Amino acid sequence: MSQAGHSEFSTAAYVALVRELLGHGYAVRGFADAEPNARHLILRHDIDMSLEAAVPIAEAEAALG
């Protein structure tokens, strides 16, 4: 379901968002590697919401490095 001002989730939109953030100097880090003064992303996935989306998302993230 869409909420006002929000669009439906898609793998392509997710990849575009992550690329945009990486392009602005953000780095993907785990909780243990997060640096308080650095730009970073901590990505967390609740795959139990859509098991079908888990593999395409994992493949997209692997392609992004």
Protein backbone atom coordinates (compact mmCIF):
# COMPACT_ATOMS: atom_id res chain seq x y z
CA MET A 1 0.00 0.00 0.00
CA SER A 2 1.13 3.51 -0.72
CA GLN A 3 1.08 6.26 1.83
CA ALA A 4 0.62 9.88 0.87
CA GLY A 5 3.92 11.14 -0.51
CA HIS A 6 5.45 7.67 -0.74
CA SER A 7 5.66 5.33 -3.71
CA GLU A 8 5.66 1.57 -3.79
CA PHE A 9 8.98 -0.13 -3.07
CA SER A 10 10.99 -1.42 -6.01
CA THR A 11 14.45 -2.87 -6.28
CA ALA A 12 15.33 -0.25 -8.91
CA ALA A 13 14.29 2.60 -6.60
CA TYR A 14 16.27 1.07 -3.74
CA VAL A 15 19.39 0.77 -5.93
CA ALA A 16 18.95 4.39 -7.08
CA LEU A 17 18.67 5.57 -3.46
CA VAL A 18 21.78 3.66 -2.35
CA ARG A 19 23.74 4.91 -5.39
CA GLU A 20 22.69 8.48 -4.60
CA LEU A 21 23.82 8.15 -0.99
CA LEU A 22 27.13 6.53 -1.99
CA GLY A 23 27.64 9.38 -4.46
CA HIS A 24 27.28 11.86 -1.59
CA GLY A 25 30.09 10.23 0.35
CA TYR A 26 28.16 7.79 2.49
CA ALA A 27 29.74 4.38 3.12
CA VAL A 28 27.95 1.17 4.07
CA ARG A 29 29.04 0.02 7.52
CA GLY A 30 27.96 -2.48 10.13
CA PHE A 31 26.97 -1.37 13.61
CA ALA A 32 30.41 -2.27 14.99
CA ASP A 33 32.19 -0.28 12.26
CA ALA A 34 30.07 2.87 12.39
CA GLU A 35 32.08 6.04 12.96
CA PRO A 36 30.12 8.78 14.76
CA ASN A 37 31.75 11.59 12.76
CA ALA A 38 31.56 9.94 9.33
CA ARG A 39 28.80 9.64 6.77
CA HIS A 40 27.65 6.08 6.76
CA LEU A 41 24.71 3.82 6.06
CA ILE A 42 23.71 0.93 8.24
CA LEU A 43 21.36 -1.20 6.18
CA ARG A 44 19.04 -3.57 7.94
CA HIS A 45 16.56 -5.83 6.20
CA ASP A 46 13.46 -7.46 7.55
CA ILE A 47 13.29 -10.17 4.90
CA ASP A 48 10.46 -11.95 6.65
CA MET A 49 8.18 -9.29 5.16
CA SER A 50 8.95 -10.55 1.64
CA LEU A 51 11.10 -13.63 1.21
CA GLU A 52 10.70 -13.27 -2.57
CA ALA A 53 12.51 -9.91 -2.45
CA ALA A 54 15.49 -11.18 -0.43
CA VAL A 55 17.50 -12.60 -3.34
CA PRO A 56 17.01 -9.67 -5.78
CA ILE A 57 17.93 -7.20 -3.02
CA ALA A 58 21.02 -9.25 -2.08
CA GLU A 59 22.07 -9.41 -5.74
CA ALA A 60 21.56 -5.67 -6.17
CA GLU A 61 23.61 -4.90 -3.06
CA ALA A 62 26.38 -7.25 -4.19
CA ALA A 63 26.49 -5.46 -7.55
CA LEU A 64 26.82 -2.13 -5.70
CA GLY A 65 29.72 -3.52 -3.70
